[in-house]
C-alpha atoms as a PDB file:
ATOM      1  CA  MET A   1       0.085  -0.212   0.122  1.00  0.00           C
ATOM      2  CA  PRO A   2       2.895   2.414  -0.457  1.00  0.00           C
ATOM      3  CA  ASP A   3       1.217   4.216  -3.334  1.00  0.00           C
ATOM      4  CA  HIS A   4      -2.351   4.619  -1.604  1.00  0.00           C
ATOM      5  CA  PHE A   5      -3.146   8.109  -0.402  1.00  0.00           C
ATOM      6  CA  TRP A   6      -3.886   8.459   3.441  1.00  0.00           C
ATOM      7  CA  LEU A   7      -5.078  11.388   5.459  1.00  0.00           C
ATOM      8  CA  ASN A   8      -2.682  12.176   8.187  1.00  0.00           C
ATOM      9  CA  GLU A   9      -4.118  12.943  11.675  1.00  0.00           C
ATOM     10  CA  ASP A  10      -3.814  16.636  11.329  1.00  0.00           C
ATOM     11  CA  GLN A  11      -5.463  16.912   7.973  1.00  0.00           C
ATOM     12  CA  LEU A  12      -8.342  14.786   9.348  1.00  0.00           C
ATOM     13  CA  ALA A  13      -8.614  17.132  12.693  1.00  0.00           C
ATOM     14  CA  ARG A  14      -8.910  20.227  10.283  1.00  0.00           C
ATOM     15  CA  ILE A  15     -11.945  18.747   8.247  1.00  0.00           C
ATOM     16  CA  GLU A  16     -13.493  16.672  10.990  1.00  0.00           C
ATOM     17  CA  PRO A  17     -15.864  19.417  12.219  1.00  0.00           C
ATOM     18  CA  PHE A  18     -17.548  19.482   8.931  1.00  0.00           C
ATOM     19  CA  PHE A  19     -18.628  15.898   8.845  1.00  0.00           C
ATOM     20  CA  PRO A  20     -22.341  15.333   9.348  1.00  0.00           C
ATOM     21  CA  LEU A  21     -23.364  13.561  12.687  1.00  0.00           C
ATOM     22  CA  SER A  22     -23.955   9.923  12.505  1.00  0.00           C
ATOM     23  CA  HIS A  23     -27.361   8.767  13.208  1.00  0.00           C
ATOM     24  CA  GLY A  24     -28.054   5.359  14.864  1.00  0.00           C
ATOM     25  CA  VAL A  25     -25.532   3.005  13.255  1.00  0.00           C
ATOM     26  CA  PRO A  26     -21.706   4.303  13.555  1.00  0.00           C
ATOM     27  CA  ARG A  27     -20.046   5.027  10.367  1.00  0.00           C
ATOM     28  CA  VAL A  28     -17.160   3.117   8.656  1.00  0.00           C
ATOM     29  CA  ASP A  29     -13.946   4.658   9.529  1.00  0.00           C
ATOM     30  CA  ASP A  30     -14.186   8.219   8.074  1.00  0.00           C
ATOM     31  CA  ARG A  31     -10.286   8.541   7.445  1.00  0.00           C
ATOM     32  CA  ARG A  32     -10.280   5.166   5.490  1.00  0.00           C
ATOM     33  CA  VAL A  33     -13.273   6.332   3.435  1.00  0.00           C
ATOM     34  CA  LEU A  34     -12.223   9.781   2.780  1.00  0.00           C
ATOM     35  CA  SER A  35      -8.809   8.692   1.713  1.00  0.00           C
ATOM     36  CA  GLY A  36     -10.375   6.375  -0.673  1.00  0.00           C
ATOM     37  CA  ILE A  37     -12.479   9.055  -2.127  1.00  0.00           C
ATOM     38  CA  ILE A  38      -9.472  11.338  -2.608  1.00  0.00           C
ATOM     39  CA  HIS A  39      -7.456   8.371  -3.985  1.00  0.00           C
ATOM     40  CA  VAL A  40     -10.206   7.741  -6.484  1.00  0.00           C
ATOM     41  CA  LEU A  41     -10.625  11.353  -7.626  1.00  0.00           C
ATOM     42  CA  LYS A  42      -6.865  11.979  -7.822  1.00  0.00           C
ATOM     43  CA  ARG A  43      -6.133   9.192 -10.154  1.00  0.00           C
ATOM     44  CA  GLY A  44      -9.340   9.531 -12.156  1.00  0.00           C
ATOM     45  CA  LEU A  45     -10.402   5.701 -11.473  1.00  0.00           C
ATOM     46  CA  GLN A  46     -13.690   4.304 -11.457  1.00  0.00           C
ATOM     47  CA  TRP A  47     -15.215   3.427  -8.146  1.00  0.00           C
ATOM     48  CA  ARG A  48     -15.080  -0.261  -8.685  1.00  0.00           C
ATOM     49  CA  ASP A  49     -11.221   0.093  -9.472  1.00  0.00           C
ATOM     50  CA  ALA A  50     -10.455   1.519  -5.924  1.00  0.00           C
ATOM     51  CA  PRO A  51      -7.814  -0.594  -3.887  1.00  0.00           C
ATOM     52  CA  ALA A  52      -9.503  -2.845  -1.374  1.00  0.00           C
ATOM     53  CA  GLY A  53      -7.352  -1.272   1.226  1.00  0.00           C
ATOM     54  CA  TYR A  54      -9.941   1.644   1.456  1.00  0.00           C
ATOM     55  CA  GLY A  55     -12.938  -0.734   2.037  1.00  0.00           C
ATOM     56  CA  PRO A  56     -15.712  -1.772  -0.391  1.00  0.00           C
ATOM     57  CA  HIS A  57     -16.116   0.571  -3.492  1.00  0.00           C
ATOM     58  CA  LYS A  58     -19.840   0.946  -2.992  1.00  0.00           C
ATOM     59  CA  THR A  59     -19.152   2.531   0.431  1.00  0.00           C
ATOM     60  CA  LEU A  60     -16.798   5.043  -1.194  1.00  0.00           C
ATOM     61  CA  TYR A  61     -19.178   6.004  -3.837  1.00  0.00           C
ATOM     62  CA  LYS A  62     -22.264   6.304  -1.472  1.00  0.00           C
ATOM     63  CA  ARG A  63     -20.362   8.424   0.912  1.00  0.00           C
ATOM     64  CA  PHE A  64     -19.149  10.533  -1.874  1.00  0.00           C
ATOM     65  CA  ILE A  65     -22.494  11.061  -3.498  1.00  0.00           C
ATOM     66  CA  ARG A  66     -24.384  11.518   0.016  1.00  0.00           C
ATOM     67  CA  TRP A  67     -21.894  14.104   1.235  1.00  0.00           C
ATOM     68  CA  SER A  68     -21.794  15.848  -2.093  1.00  0.00           C
ATOM     69  CA  ARG A  69     -25.490  16.328  -2.006  1.00  0.00           C
ATOM     70  CA  MET A  70     -25.243  17.429   1.608  1.00  0.00           C
ATOM     71  CA  GLY A  71     -22.669  20.083   0.688  1.00  0.00           C
ATOM     72  CA  VAL A  72     -20.153  18.681   2.930  1.00  0.00           C
ATOM     73  CA  PHE A  73     -17.305  18.683   0.548  1.00  0.00           C
ATOM     74  CA  ASP A  74     -18.390  22.458  -0.515  1.00  0.00           C
ATOM     75  CA  ASN A  75     -18.150  23.503   3.205  1.00  0.00           C
ATOM     76  CA  ILE A  76     -14.662  21.644   3.343  1.00  0.00           C
ATOM     77  CA  PHE A  77     -13.275  23.559   0.200  1.00  0.00           C
ATOM     78  CA  ARG A  78     -14.724  26.829   1.392  1.00  0.00           C
ATOM     79  CA  ALA A  79     -13.203  26.613   4.961  1.00  0.00           C
ATOM     80  CA  LEU A  80      -9.853  25.497   3.599  1.00  0.00           C
ATOM     81  CA  SER A  81      -9.652  27.752   0.754  1.00  0.00           C
ATOM     82  CA  SER A  82      -9.983  30.804   3.177  1.00  0.00           C
ATOM     83  CA  ILE A  83      -6.866  29.779   5.290  1.00  0.00           C
ATOM     84  CA  ASP A  84      -3.351  30.516   4.004  1.00  0.00           C
ATOM     85  CA  VAL A  85      -4.164  31.733   0.578  1.00  0.00           C
ATOM     86  CA  PRO A  86      -0.864  32.166  -1.491  1.00  0.00           C
ATOM     87  CA  GLU A  87      -0.400  35.298  -3.688  1.00  0.00           C
ATOM     88  CA  LYS A  88       0.164  32.812  -6.700  1.00  0.00           C
ATOM     89  CA  LEU A  89      -1.607  29.657  -7.572  1.00  0.00           C
ATOM     90  CA  GLN A  90      -0.468  27.188 -10.122  1.00  0.00           C
ATOM     91  CA  ILE A  91      -2.645  24.889 -11.827  1.00  0.00           C
ATOM     92  CA  ASN A  92      -1.328  21.627 -13.627  1.00  0.00           C
ATOM     93  CA  PRO A  93      -3.386  21.313 -16.764  1.00  0.00           C
ATOM     94  CA  THR A  94      -2.114  17.889 -17.787  1.00  0.00           C
ATOM     95  CA  HIS A  95      -5.319  16.267 -16.576  1.00  0.00           C
ATOM     96  CA  LEU A  96      -7.784  18.434 -18.439  1.00  0.00           C
ATOM     97  CA  LYS A  97      -9.591  17.050 -21.401  1.00  0.00           C
ATOM     98  CA  ALA A  98     -10.245  18.924 -24.788  1.00  0.00           C
ATOM     99  CA  HIS A  99     -12.837  18.100 -27.330  1.00  0.00           C
ATOM    100  CA  ARG A 100     -11.630  16.155 -30.280  1.00  0.00           C
ATOM    101  CA  THR A 101     -12.031  19.104 -32.571  1.00  0.00           C
ATOM    102  CA  ALA A 102     -10.682  21.616 -30.216  1.00  0.00           C
ATOM    103  CA  SER A 103      -7.044  21.349 -31.711  1.00  0.00           C
ATOM    104  CA  SER A 104      -8.252  21.543 -35.313  1.00  0.00           C
ATOM    105  CA  LEU A 105      -6.401  24.199 -37.112  1.00  0.00           C
ATOM    106  CA  LEU A 106      -8.151  23.737 -40.331  1.00  0.00           C
ATOM    107  CA  LYS A 107     -11.498  24.974 -41.223  1.00  0.00           C
ATOM    108  CA  LYS A 108     -14.101  23.361 -43.472  1.00  0.00           C
ATOM    109  CA  LYS A 109     -15.345  25.546 -46.484  1.00  0.00           C
ATOM    110  CA  GLY A 110     -19.179  24.704 -46.557  1.00  0.00           C
ATOM    111  CA  CYS A 111     -18.522  20.851 -47.035  1.00  0.00           C
ATOM    112  CA  SER A 112     -20.751  18.139 -45.771  1.00  0.00           C
ATOM    113  CA  ARG A 113     -18.943  15.241 -43.951  1.00  0.00           C
ATOM    114  CA  ARG A 114     -19.118  12.968 -46.944  1.00  0.00           C
ATOM    115  CA  GLN A 115     -17.184  15.411 -49.114  1.00  0.00           C
ATOM    116  CA  TRP A 116     -14.760  16.340 -46.482  1.00  0.00           C
ATOM    117  CA  PRO A 117     -11.552  14.742 -47.967  1.00  0.00           C
ATOM    118  CA  GLN A 118     -12.158  16.460 -51.446  1.00  0.00           C
ATOM    119  CA  CYS A 119     -12.869  19.832 -49.843  1.00  0.00           C
ATOM    120  CA  LYS A 120     -10.421  22.713 -49.770  1.00  0.00           C
ATOM    121  CA  LEU A 121      -8.988  23.648 -46.331  1.00  0.00           C
ATOM    122  CA  ARG A 122      -7.849  26.671 -45.264  1.00  0.00           C
ATOM    123  CA  PRO A 123      -5.988  27.599 -41.979  1.00  0.00           C
ATOM    124  CA  LEU A 124      -7.937  29.610 -39.489  1.00  0.00           C
ATOM    125  CA  SER A 125      -5.215  32.184 -39.281  1.00  0.00           C
ATOM    126  CA  TYR A 126      -5.654  33.190 -42.824  1.00  0.00           C
ATOM    127  CA  THR A 127      -3.722  36.637 -43.176  1.00  0.00           C
ATOM    128  CA  GLY A 128      -4.094  37.149 -47.065  1.00  0.00           C
ATOM    129  CA  SER A 129      -4.497  40.729 -48.450  1.00  0.00           C
ATOM    130  CA  ASN A 130      -7.893  42.211 -49.344  1.00  0.00           C
ATOM    131  CA  GLU A 131      -6.779  42.265 -53.048  1.00  0.00           C
ATOM    132  CA  SER A 132      -6.203  38.584 -53.390  1.00  0.00           C
ATOM    133  CA  ARG A 133      -9.407  37.784 -51.482  1.00  0.00           C
ATOM    134  CA  ALA A 134     -11.320  39.867 -54.038  1.00  0.00           C
ATOM    135  CA  ARG A 135      -9.763  37.966 -56.891  1.00  0.00           C
ATOM    136  CA  GLY A 136     -10.691  34.766 -55.214  1.00  0.00           C
ATOM    137  CA  THR A 137      -7.022  33.591 -54.850  1.00  0.00           C
ATOM    138  CA  PRO A 138      -5.294  32.960 -51.586  1.00  0.00           C
END
């Protein structure tokens, strides 16, 4: 379990006041379940692919959904974001996804999908002069 993510005691103590109260049956270990939720979200896993060390994947999923609907995570993020705010923040965009057409630098010129291979393509950053456009040449 060396690659598993575990909240330490200080981290858990900071967010524990935001946990909802248990009604009736005591909850499964909050540290284990919350660490499992963070592990799944950080690595982009499906719930069923969560390591068994965090407990059943259904427990992780149900706790995440229930606490999300109750606003528990919103309250935790709001409270933690107001503490020790640095002047500069850096975001690592390697996990962001773009639509498959977002990187296209070419633009279709009034073509249907069937005609696409035969259509003339022109770059979006076309910088020809006005005279050449008026004559119809690039």
